[in-house]
Amino acid sequence: MYLFDAFSYDGLKRFWRCRYKRECKTRVHTGITDLIFLKNINNHTHDSDTAKVEVNIAVYNIKKRARETLEPTSTVMNYCISGLSQASKVSNY
């Protein structure tokens, strides 16, 4: 999973880094709005954790839906976690 790190000096690219910054030196450059990979620097030095990625996406979706609708919290939560795998639902992330 990548975390936003900085904008390029000219403001035309976004720089992203691996969430495990100390152990993994992977970096990615994307466009500002389209987020298409323009450049990939290094490879990950660790295995991916699909449950953690899935949980992070669900949390993002919950926050977004809560901001954009007037639905009760329970409705937002049930809608956003309905498609999660069992591993994601029991994880401690």
PDB file of N, CA and C in Angstrom:
ATOM      1  N   MET A   1       0.844  -1.170   0.000  1.00  0.00           N
ATOM      2  CA  MET A   1       0.000   0.000   0.000  1.00  0.00           C
ATOM      3  C   MET A   1       0.890   1.234   0.000  1.00  0.00           C
ATOM      4  N   TYR A   2       0.475   2.213  -0.760  1.00  0.00           N
ATOM      5  CA  TYR A   2       1.249   3.446  -0.878  1.00  0.00           C
ATOM      6  C   TYR A   2       0.593   4.582  -0.086  1.00  0.00           C
ATOM      7  N   LEU A   3       1.418   5.434   0.468  1.00  0.00           N
ATOM      8  CA  LEU A   3       0.970   6.633   1.158  1.00  0.00           C
ATOM      9  C   LEU A   3       1.505   7.845   0.417  1.00  0.00           C
ATOM     10  N   PHE A   4       0.697   8.893   0.333  1.00  0.00           N
ATOM     11  CA  PHE A   4       1.141  10.100  -0.336  1.00  0.00           C
ATOM     12  C   PHE A   4       2.338  10.676   0.412  1.00  0.00           C
ATOM     13  N   ASP A   5       3.356  11.106  -0.344  1.00  0.00           N
ATOM     14  CA  ASP A   5       4.576  11.637   0.262  1.00  0.00           C
ATOM     15  C   ASP A   5       4.757  13.124  -0.044  1.00  0.00           C
ATOM     16  N   ALA A   6       4.675  13.511  -1.334  1.00  0.00           N
ATOM     17  CA  ALA A   6       4.912  14.917  -1.694  1.00  0.00           C
ATOM     18  C   ALA A   6       4.491  15.151  -3.142  1.00  0.00           C
ATOM     19  N   PHE A   7       4.412  16.439  -3.504  1.00  0.00           N
ATOM     20  CA  PHE A   7       4.221  16.834  -4.892  1.00  0.00           C
ATOM     21  C   PHE A   7       5.580  17.110  -5.516  1.00  0.00           C
ATOM     22  N   SER A   8       5.681  16.970  -6.827  1.00  0.00           N
ATOM     23  CA  SER A   8       6.918  17.320  -7.514  1.00  0.00           C
ATOM     24  C   SER A   8       7.124  18.829  -7.453  1.00  0.00           C
ATOM     25  N   TYR A   9       8.332  19.255  -7.710  1.00  0.00           N
ATOM     26  CA  TYR A   9       8.673  20.676  -7.653  1.00  0.00           C
ATOM     27  C   TYR A   9       7.816  21.498  -8.611  1.00  0.00           C
ATOM     28  N   ASP A  10       7.555  20.933  -9.803  1.00  0.00           N
ATOM     29  CA  ASP A  10       6.754  21.661 -10.787  1.00  0.00           C
ATOM     30  C   ASP A  10       5.243  21.482 -10.584  1.00  0.00           C
ATOM     31  N   GLY A  11       4.856  20.642  -9.617  1.00  0.00           N
ATOM     32  CA  GLY A  11       3.445  20.450  -9.306  1.00  0.00           C
ATOM     33  C   GLY A  11       2.687  19.575 -10.279  1.00  0.00           C
ATOM     34  N   LEU A  12       3.382  18.838 -11.136  1.00  0.00           N
ATOM     35  CA  LEU A  12       2.722  18.008 -12.139  1.00  0.00           C
ATOM     36  C   LEU A  12       2.627  16.532 -11.759  1.00  0.00           C
ATOM     37  N   LYS A  13       3.281  16.127 -10.672  1.00  0.00           N
ATOM     38  CA  LYS A  13       3.284  14.730 -10.247  1.00  0.00           C
ATOM     39  C   LYS A  13       3.071  14.638  -8.744  1.00  0.00           C
ATOM     40  N   ARG A  14       2.565  13.466  -8.331  1.00  0.00           N
ATOM     41  CA  ARG A  14       2.488  13.119  -6.915  1.00  0.00           C
ATOM     42  C   ARG A  14       3.501  12.016  -6.664  1.00  0.00           C
ATOM     43  N   PHE A  15       4.181  12.094  -5.540  1.00  0.00           N
ATOM     44  CA  PHE A  15       5.124  11.061  -5.143  1.00  0.00           C
ATOM     45  C   PHE A  15       4.515  10.270  -3.989  1.00  0.00           C
ATOM     46  N   TRP A  16       4.579   8.964  -4.111  1.00  0.00           N
ATOM     47  CA  TRP A  16       4.031   8.057  -3.104  1.00  0.00           C
ATOM     48  C   TRP A  16       5.139   7.151  -2.605  1.00  0.00           C
ATOM     49  N   ARG A  17       5.010   6.672  -1.382  1.00  0.00           N
ATOM     50  CA  ARG A  17       5.982   5.742  -0.809  1.00  0.00           C
ATOM     51  C   ARG A  17       5.237   4.560  -0.194  1.00  0.00           C
ATOM     52  N   CYS A  18       5.941   3.493   0.008  1.00  0.00           N
ATOM     53  CA  CYS A  18       5.360   2.328   0.668  1.00  0.00           C
ATOM     54  C   CYS A  18       5.053   2.690   2.120  1.00  0.00           C
ATOM     55  N   ARG A  19       3.997   2.114   2.655  1.00  0.00           N
ATOM     56  CA  ARG A  19       3.641   2.404   4.047  1.00  0.00           C
ATOM     57  C   ARG A  19       4.705   1.910   5.026  1.00  0.00           C
ATOM     58  N   TYR A  20       5.537   0.960   4.617  1.00  0.00           N
ATOM     59  CA  TYR A  20       6.633   0.468   5.457  1.00  0.00           C
ATOM     60  C   TYR A  20       7.911   1.194   5.059  1.00  0.00           C
ATOM     61  N   LYS A  21       7.943   2.473   5.288  1.00  0.00           N
ATOM     62  CA  LYS A  21       9.003   3.357   4.794  1.00  0.00           C
ATOM     63  C   LYS A  21      10.401   2.937   5.244  1.00  0.00           C
ATOM     64  N   ARG A  22      10.537   2.484   6.464  1.00  0.00           N
ATOM     65  CA  ARG A  22      11.873   2.134   6.982  1.00  0.00           C
ATOM     66  C   ARG A  22      12.415   0.838   6.397  1.00  0.00           C
ATOM     67  N   GLU A  23      11.537  -0.106   6.120  1.00  0.00           N
ATOM     68  CA  GLU A  23      11.988  -1.402   5.604  1.00  0.00           C
ATOM     69  C   GLU A  23      11.945  -1.511   4.084  1.00  0.00           C
ATOM     70  N   CYS A  24      11.069  -0.732   3.450  1.00  0.00           N
ATOM     71  CA  CYS A  24      10.822  -0.886   2.018  1.00  0.00           C
ATOM     72  C   CYS A  24      11.053   0.440   1.301  1.00  0.00           C
ATOM     73  N   LYS A  25      11.845   0.423   0.267  1.00  0.00           N
ATOM     74  CA  LYS A  25      12.210   1.650  -0.449  1.00  0.00           C
ATOM     75  C   LYS A  25      11.412   1.862  -1.734  1.00  0.00           C
ATOM     76  N   THR A  26      10.270   1.213  -1.862  1.00  0.00           N
ATOM     77  CA  THR A  26       9.455   1.369  -3.055  1.00  0.00           C
ATOM     78  C   THR A  26       8.845   2.764  -3.112  1.00  0.00           C
ATOM     79  N   ARG A  27       8.887   3.354  -4.296  1.00  0.00           N
ATOM     80  CA  ARG A  27       8.297   4.672  -4.543  1.00  0.00           C
ATOM     81  C   ARG A  27       7.531   4.621  -5.854  1.00  0.00           C
ATOM     82  N   VAL A  28       6.510   5.455  -5.974  1.00  0.00           N
ATOM     83  CA  VAL A  28       5.708   5.529  -7.193  1.00  0.00           C
ATOM     84  C   VAL A  28       5.453   6.991  -7.510  1.00  0.00           C
ATOM     85  N   HIS A  29       5.475   7.330  -8.800  1.00  0.00           N
ATOM     86  CA  HIS A  29       5.105   8.666  -9.265  1.00  0.00           C
ATOM     87  C   HIS A  29       3.798   8.530 -10.038  1.00  0.00           C
ATOM     88  N   THR A  30       2.832   9.419  -9.761  1.00  0.00           N
ATOM     89  CA  THR A  30       1.565   9.414 -10.488  1.00  0.00           C
ATOM     90  C   THR A  30       1.271  10.823 -10.973  1.00  0.00           C
ATOM     91  N   GLY A  31       0.259  10.922 -11.837  1.00  0.00           N
ATOM     92  CA  GLY A  31      -0.228  12.235 -12.226  1.00  0.00           C
ATOM     93  C   GLY A  31      -0.967  12.883 -11.068  1.00  0.00           C
ATOM     94  N   ILE A  32      -1.290  14.141 -11.198  1.00  0.00           N
ATOM     95  CA  ILE A  32      -1.977  14.856 -10.131  1.00  0.00           C
ATOM     96  C   ILE A  32      -3.426  14.408  -9.983  1.00  0.00           C
ATOM     97  N   THR A  33      -4.155  14.305 -11.080  1.00  0.00           N
ATOM     98  CA  THR A  33      -5.581  13.992 -10.983  1.00  0.00           C
ATOM     99  C   THR A  33      -5.928  12.569 -11.367  1.00  0.00           C
ATOM    100  N   ASP A  34      -5.217  11.990 -12.323  1.00  0.00           N
ATOM    101  CA  ASP A  34      -5.597  10.667 -12.802  1.00  0.00           C
ATOM    102  C   ASP A  34      -5.021   9.522 -11.978  1.00  0.00           C
ATOM    103  N   LEU A  35      -3.952   9.763 -11.209  1.00  0.00           N
ATOM    104  CA  LEU A  35      -3.301   8.772 -10.358  1.00  0.00           C
ATOM    105  C   LEU A  35      -2.838   7.532 -11.107  1.00  0.00           C
ATOM    106  N   ILE A  36      -2.561   7.681 -12.397  1.00  0.00           N
ATOM    107  CA  ILE A  36      -1.986   6.587 -13.187  1.00  0.00           C
ATOM    108  C   ILE A  36      -0.493   6.532 -12.902  1.00  0.00           C
ATOM    109  N   PHE A  37       0.023   5.312 -12.708  1.00  0.00           N
ATOM    110  CA  PHE A  37       1.450   5.157 -12.420  1.00  0.00           C
ATOM    111  C   PHE A  37       2.285   5.653 -13.595  1.00  0.00           C
ATOM    112  N   LEU A  38       3.140   6.622 -13.341  1.00  0.00           N
ATOM    113  CA  LEU A  38       4.052   7.129 -14.358  1.00  0.00           C
ATOM    114  C   LEU A  38       5.433   6.496 -14.211  1.00  0.00           C
ATOM    115  N   LYS A  39       5.803   6.201 -12.967  1.00  0.00           N
ATOM    116  CA  LYS A  39       7.120   5.636 -12.704  1.00  0.00           C
ATOM    117  C   LYS A  39       7.061   4.813 -11.433  1.00  0.00           C
ATOM    118  N   ASN A  40       7.685   3.643 -11.462  1.00  0.00           N
ATOM    119  CA  ASN A  40       7.763   2.779 -10.286  1.00  0.00           C
ATOM    120  C   ASN A  40       9.237   2.594  -9.939  1.00  0.00           C
ATOM    121  N   ILE A  41       9.626   2.937  -8.737  1.00  0.00           N
ATOM    122  CA  ILE A  41      11.021   2.856  -8.310  1.00  0.00           C
ATOM    123  C   ILE A  41      11.150   1.757  -7.263  1.00  0.00           C
ATOM    124  N   ASN A  42      11.973   0.769  -7.536  1.00  0.00           N
ATOM    125  CA  ASN A  42      12.223  -0.380  -6.648  1.00  0.00           C
ATOM    126  C   ASN A  42      10.999  -1.280  -6.545  1.00  0.00           C
ATOM    127  N   ASN A  43      11.181  -2.432  -5.930  1.00  0.00           N
ATOM    128  CA  ASN A  43      10.106  -3.382  -5.680  1.00  0.00           C
ATOM    129  C   ASN A  43       9.925  -3.528  -4.176  1.00  0.00           C
ATOM    130  N   HIS A  44       8.729  -3.932  -3.792  1.00  0.00           N
ATOM    131  CA  HIS A  44       8.478  -4.141  -2.367  1.00  0.00           C
ATOM    132  C   HIS A  44       9.393  -5.242  -1.832  1.00  0.00           C
ATOM    133  N   THR A  45       9.831  -5.085  -0.603  1.00  0.00           N
ATOM    134  CA  THR A  45      10.709  -6.064   0.029  1.00  0.00           C
ATOM    135  C   THR A  45       9.958  -6.883   1.066  1.00  0.00           C
ATOM    136  N   HIS A  46       8.636  -6.907   0.982  1.00  0.00           N
ATOM    137  CA  HIS A  46       7.800  -7.608   1.946  1.00  0.00           C
ATOM    138  C   HIS A  46       6.562  -8.137   1.239  1.00  0.00           C
ATOM    139  N   ASP A  47       5.859  -9.047   1.897  1.00  0.00           N
ATOM    140  CA  ASP A  47       4.609  -9.565   1.351  1.00  0.00           C
ATOM    141  C   ASP A  47       3.499  -8.546   1.552  1.00  0.00           C
ATOM    142  N   SER A  48       2.487  -8.618   0.713  1.00  0.00           N
ATOM    143  CA  SER A  48       1.339  -7.726   0.880  1.00  0.00           C
ATOM    144  C   SER A  48       0.397  -8.315   1.919  1.00  0.00           C
ATOM    145  N   ASP A  49      -0.358  -7.465   2.547  1.00  0.00           N
ATOM    146  CA  ASP A  49      -1.347  -7.883   3.523  1.00  0.00           C
ATOM    147  C   ASP A  49      -2.714  -7.472   2.985  1.00  0.00           C
ATOM    148  N   THR A  50      -3.348  -8.382   2.261  1.00  0.00           N
ATOM    149  CA  THR A  50      -4.587  -8.051   1.570  1.00  0.00           C
ATOM    150  C   THR A  50      -5.706  -7.659   2.524  1.00  0.00           C
ATOM    151  N   ALA A  51      -5.756  -8.277   3.701  1.00  0.00           N
ATOM    152  CA  ALA A  51      -6.799  -7.918   4.659  1.00  0.00           C
ATOM    153  C   ALA A  51      -6.643  -6.473   5.117  1.00  0.00           C
ATOM    154  N   LYS A  52      -5.414  -6.043   5.326  1.00  0.00           N
ATOM    155  CA  LYS A  52      -5.170  -4.672   5.767  1.00  0.00           C
ATOM    156  C   LYS A  52      -5.553  -3.673   4.675  1.00  0.00           C
ATOM    157  N   VAL A  53      -5.233  -3.991   3.446  1.00  0.00           N
ATOM    158  CA  VAL A  53      -5.609  -3.123   2.324  1.00  0.00           C
ATOM    159  C   VAL A  53      -7.127  -3.032   2.233  1.00  0.00           C
ATOM    160  N   GLU A  54      -7.793  -4.165   2.368  1.00  0.00           N
ATOM    161  CA  GLU A  54      -9.248  -4.195   2.292  1.00  0.00           C
ATOM    162  C   GLU A  54      -9.885  -3.366   3.418  1.00  0.00           C
ATOM    163  N   VAL A  55      -9.328  -3.459   4.613  1.00  0.00           N
ATOM    164  CA  VAL A  55      -9.832  -2.675   5.748  1.00  0.00           C
ATOM    165  C   VAL A  55      -9.634  -1.183   5.494  1.00  0.00           C
ATOM    166  N   ASN A  56      -8.474  -0.795   4.994  1.00  0.00           N
ATOM    167  CA  ASN A  56      -8.211   0.627   4.723  1.00  0.00           C
ATOM    168  C   ASN A  56      -9.185   1.186   3.681  1.00  0.00           C
ATOM    169  N   ILE A  57      -9.494   0.401   2.666  1.00  0.00           N
ATOM    170  CA  ILE A  57     -10.457   0.832   1.647  1.00  0.00           C
ATOM    171  C   ILE A  57     -11.839   0.977   2.275  1.00  0.00           C
ATOM    172  N   ALA A  58     -12.219   0.034   3.128  1.00  0.00           N
ATOM    173  CA  ALA A  58     -13.530   0.101   3.786  1.00  0.00           C
ATOM    174  C   ALA A  58     -13.634   1.332   4.676  1.00  0.00           C
ATOM    175  N   VAL A  59     -12.585   1.638   5.428  1.00  0.00           N
ATOM    176  CA  VAL A  59     -12.596   2.821   6.295  1.00  0.00           C
ATOM    177  C   VAL A  59     -12.743   4.090   5.456  1.00  0.00           C
ATOM    178  N   TYR A  60     -12.021   4.158   4.350  1.00  0.00           N
ATOM    179  CA  TYR A  60     -12.147   5.308   3.446  1.00  0.00           C
ATOM    180  C   TYR A  60     -13.584   5.445   2.948  1.00  0.00           C
ATOM    181  N   ASN A  61     -14.176   4.330   2.525  1.00  0.00           N
ATOM    182  CA  ASN A  61     -15.547   4.357   2.005  1.00  0.00           C
ATOM    183  C   ASN A  61     -16.557   4.758   3.082  1.00  0.00           C
ATOM    184  N   ILE A  62     -16.341   4.295   4.307  1.00  0.00           N
ATOM    185  CA  ILE A  62     -17.231   4.660   5.415  1.00  0.00           C
ATOM    186  C   ILE A  62     -17.179   6.166   5.656  1.00  0.00           C
ATOM    187  N   LYS A  63     -15.980   6.719   5.725  1.00  0.00           N
ATOM    188  CA  LYS A  63     -15.829   8.155   5.964  1.00  0.00           C
ATOM    189  C   LYS A  63     -16.455   8.968   4.836  1.00  0.00           C
ATOM    190  N   LYS A  64     -16.217   8.523   3.602  1.00  0.00           N
ATOM    191  CA  LYS A  64     -16.745   9.246   2.450  1.00  0.00           C
ATOM    192  C   LYS A  64     -18.273   9.225   2.449  1.00  0.00           C
ATOM    193  N   ARG A  65     -18.843   8.050   2.670  1.00  0.00           N
ATOM    194  CA  ARG A  65     -20.310   7.932   2.656  1.00  0.00           C
ATOM    195  C   ARG A  65     -20.934   8.714   3.811  1.00  0.00           C
ATOM    196  N   ALA A  66     -20.285   8.727   4.955  1.00  0.00           N
ATOM    197  CA  ALA A  66     -20.793   9.472   6.106  1.00  0.00           C
ATOM    198  C   ALA A  66     -20.808  10.975   5.818  1.00  0.00           C
ATOM    199  N   ARG A  67     -19.797  11.460   5.104  1.00  0.00           N
ATOM    200  CA  ARG A  67     -19.744  12.886   4.740  1.00  0.00           C
ATOM    201  C   ARG A  67     -20.803  13.258   3.710  1.00  0.00           C
ATOM    202  N   GLU A  68     -21.055  12.342   2.782  1.00  0.00           N
ATOM    203  CA  GLU A  68     -21.882  12.671   1.618  1.00  0.00           C
ATOM    204  C   GLU A  68     -23.365  12.332   1.754  1.00  0.00           C
ATOM    205  N   THR A  69     -23.750  11.584   2.785  1.00  0.00           N
ATOM    206  CA  THR A  69     -25.157  11.217   2.931  1.00  0.00           C
ATOM    207  C   THR A  69     -25.651  11.592   4.323  1.00  0.00           C
ATOM    208  N   LEU A  70     -26.939  11.485   4.507  1.00  0.00           N
ATOM    209  CA  LEU A  70     -27.552  11.729   5.815  1.00  0.00           C
ATOM    210  C   LEU A  70     -28.014  10.418   6.447  1.00  0.00           C
ATOM    211  N   GLU A  71     -27.481   9.309   5.978  1.00  0.00           N
ATOM    212  CA  GLU A  71     -27.878   8.007   6.492  1.00  0.00           C
ATOM    213  C   GLU A  71     -27.407   7.829   7.933  1.00  0.00           C
ATOM    214  N   PRO A  72     -28.128   7.028   8.716  1.00  0.00           N
ATOM    215  CA  PRO A  72     -27.663   6.718  10.072  1.00  0.00           C
ATOM    216  C   PRO A  72     -26.336   5.960  10.029  1.00  0.00           C
ATOM    217  N   THR A  73     -25.570   6.084  11.081  1.00  0.00           N
ATOM    218  CA  THR A  73     -24.252   5.432  11.144  1.00  0.00           C
ATOM    219  C   THR A  73     -24.338   3.938  10.883  1.00  0.00           C
ATOM    220  N   SER A  74     -25.322   3.278  11.475  1.00  0.00           N
ATOM    221  CA  SER A  74     -25.445   1.828  11.299  1.00  0.00           C
ATOM    222  C   SER A  74     -25.677   1.461   9.832  1.00  0.00           C
ATOM    223  N   THR A  75     -26.424   2.261   9.111  1.00  0.00           N
ATOM    224  CA  THR A  75     -26.670   2.001   7.689  1.00  0.00           C
ATOM    225  C   THR A  75     -25.387   2.161   6.882  1.00  0.00           C
ATOM    226  N   VAL A  76     -24.635   3.216   7.175  1.00  0.00           N
ATOM    227  CA  VAL A  76     -23.361   3.456   6.483  1.00  0.00           C
ATOM    228  C   VAL A  76     -22.412   2.285   6.733  1.00  0.00           C
ATOM    229  N   MET A  77     -22.289   1.886   7.993  1.00  0.00           N
ATOM    230  CA  MET A  77     -21.374   0.791   8.341  1.00  0.00           C
ATOM    231  C   MET A  77     -21.781  -0.512   7.644  1.00  0.00           C
ATOM    232  N   ASN A  78     -23.053  -0.863   7.746  1.00  0.00           N
ATOM    233  CA  ASN A  78     -23.516  -2.114   7.137  1.00  0.00           C
ATOM    234  C   ASN A  78     -23.313  -2.118   5.628  1.00  0.00           C
ATOM    235  N   TYR A  79     -23.570  -0.987   4.985  1.00  0.00           N
ATOM    236  CA  TYR A  79     -23.390  -0.901   3.539  1.00  0.00           C
ATOM    237  C   TYR A  79     -21.919  -1.084   3.160  1.00  0.00           C
ATOM    238  N   CYS A  80     -21.027  -0.438   3.894  1.00  0.00           N
ATOM    239  CA  CYS A  80     -19.607  -0.430   3.518  1.00  0.00           C
ATOM    240  C   CYS A  80     -18.859  -1.696   3.896  1.00  0.00           C
ATOM    241  N   ILE A  81     -19.349  -2.442   4.883  1.00  0.00           N
ATOM    242  CA  ILE A  81     -18.626  -3.666   5.264  1.00  0.00           C
ATOM    243  C   ILE A  81     -19.286  -4.928   4.726  1.00  0.00           C
ATOM    244  N   SER A  82     -20.380  -4.781   4.008  1.00  0.00           N
ATOM    245  CA  SER A  82     -21.105  -5.961   3.529  1.00  0.00           C
ATOM    246  C   SER A  82     -20.267  -6.838   2.600  1.00  0.00           C
ATOM    247  N   GLY A  83     -19.351  -6.268   1.844  1.00  0.00           N
ATOM    248  CA  GLY A  83     -18.574  -7.054   0.896  1.00  0.00           C
ATOM    249  C   GLY A  83     -17.201  -7.476   1.388  1.00  0.00           C
ATOM    250  N   LEU A  84     -16.890  -7.194   2.660  1.00  0.00           N
ATOM    251  CA  LEU A  84     -15.562  -7.534   3.179  1.00  0.00           C
ATOM    252  C   LEU A  84     -15.387  -9.035   3.367  1.00  0.00           C
ATOM    253  N   SER A  85     -14.174  -9.500   3.192  1.00  0.00           N
ATOM    254  CA  SER A  85     -13.863 -10.902   3.445  1.00  0.00           C
ATOM    255  C   SER A  85     -13.895 -11.163   4.948  1.00  0.00           C
ATOM    256  N   GLN A  86     -14.007 -12.407   5.329  1.00  0.00           N
ATOM    257  CA  GLN A  86     -14.028 -12.765   6.746  1.00  0.00           C
ATOM    258  C   GLN A  86     -12.721 -12.376   7.428  1.00  0.00           C
ATOM    259  N   ALA A  87     -11.600 -12.502   6.724  1.00  0.00           N
ATOM    260  CA  ALA A  87     -10.304 -12.136   7.294  1.00  0.00           C
ATOM    261  C   ALA A  87     -10.252 -10.654   7.653  1.00  0.00           C
ATOM    262  N   SER A  88     -10.869  -9.822   6.838  1.00  0.00           N
ATOM    263  CA  SER A  88     -10.892  -8.388   7.105  1.00  0.00           C
ATOM    264  C   SER A  88     -11.809  -8.041   8.264  1.00  0.00           C
ATOM    265  N   LYS A  89     -12.902  -8.769   8.378  1.00  0.00           N
ATOM    266  CA  LYS A  89     -13.860  -8.472   9.438  1.00  0.00           C
ATOM    267  C   LYS A  89     -13.340  -8.820  10.836  1.00  0.00           C
ATOM    268  N   VAL A  90     -12.417  -9.762  10.918  1.00  0.00           N
ATOM    269  CA  VAL A  90     -11.896 -10.145  12.231  1.00  0.00           C
ATOM    270  C   VAL A  90     -10.483  -9.611  12.495  1.00  0.00           C
ATOM    271  N   SER A  91      -9.944  -8.845  11.580  1.00  0.00           N
ATOM    272  CA  SER A  91      -8.585  -8.322  11.762  1.00  0.00           C
ATOM    273  C   SER A  91      -8.548  -7.234  12.817  1.00  0.00           C
ATOM    274  N   ASN A  92      -7.376  -6.958  13.342  1.00  0.00           N
ATOM    275  CA  ASN A  92      -7.174  -5.944  14.383  1.00  0.00           C
ATOM    276  C   ASN A  92      -6.578  -4.681  13.827  1.00  0.00           C
ATOM    277  N   TYR A  93      -6.889  -4.304  12.606  1.00  0.00           N
ATOM    278  CA  TYR A  93      -6.288  -3.123  11.995  1.00  0.00           C
ATOM    279  C   TYR A  93      -7.057  -1.915  12.390  1.00  0.00           C
TER     280      TYR A  93
END
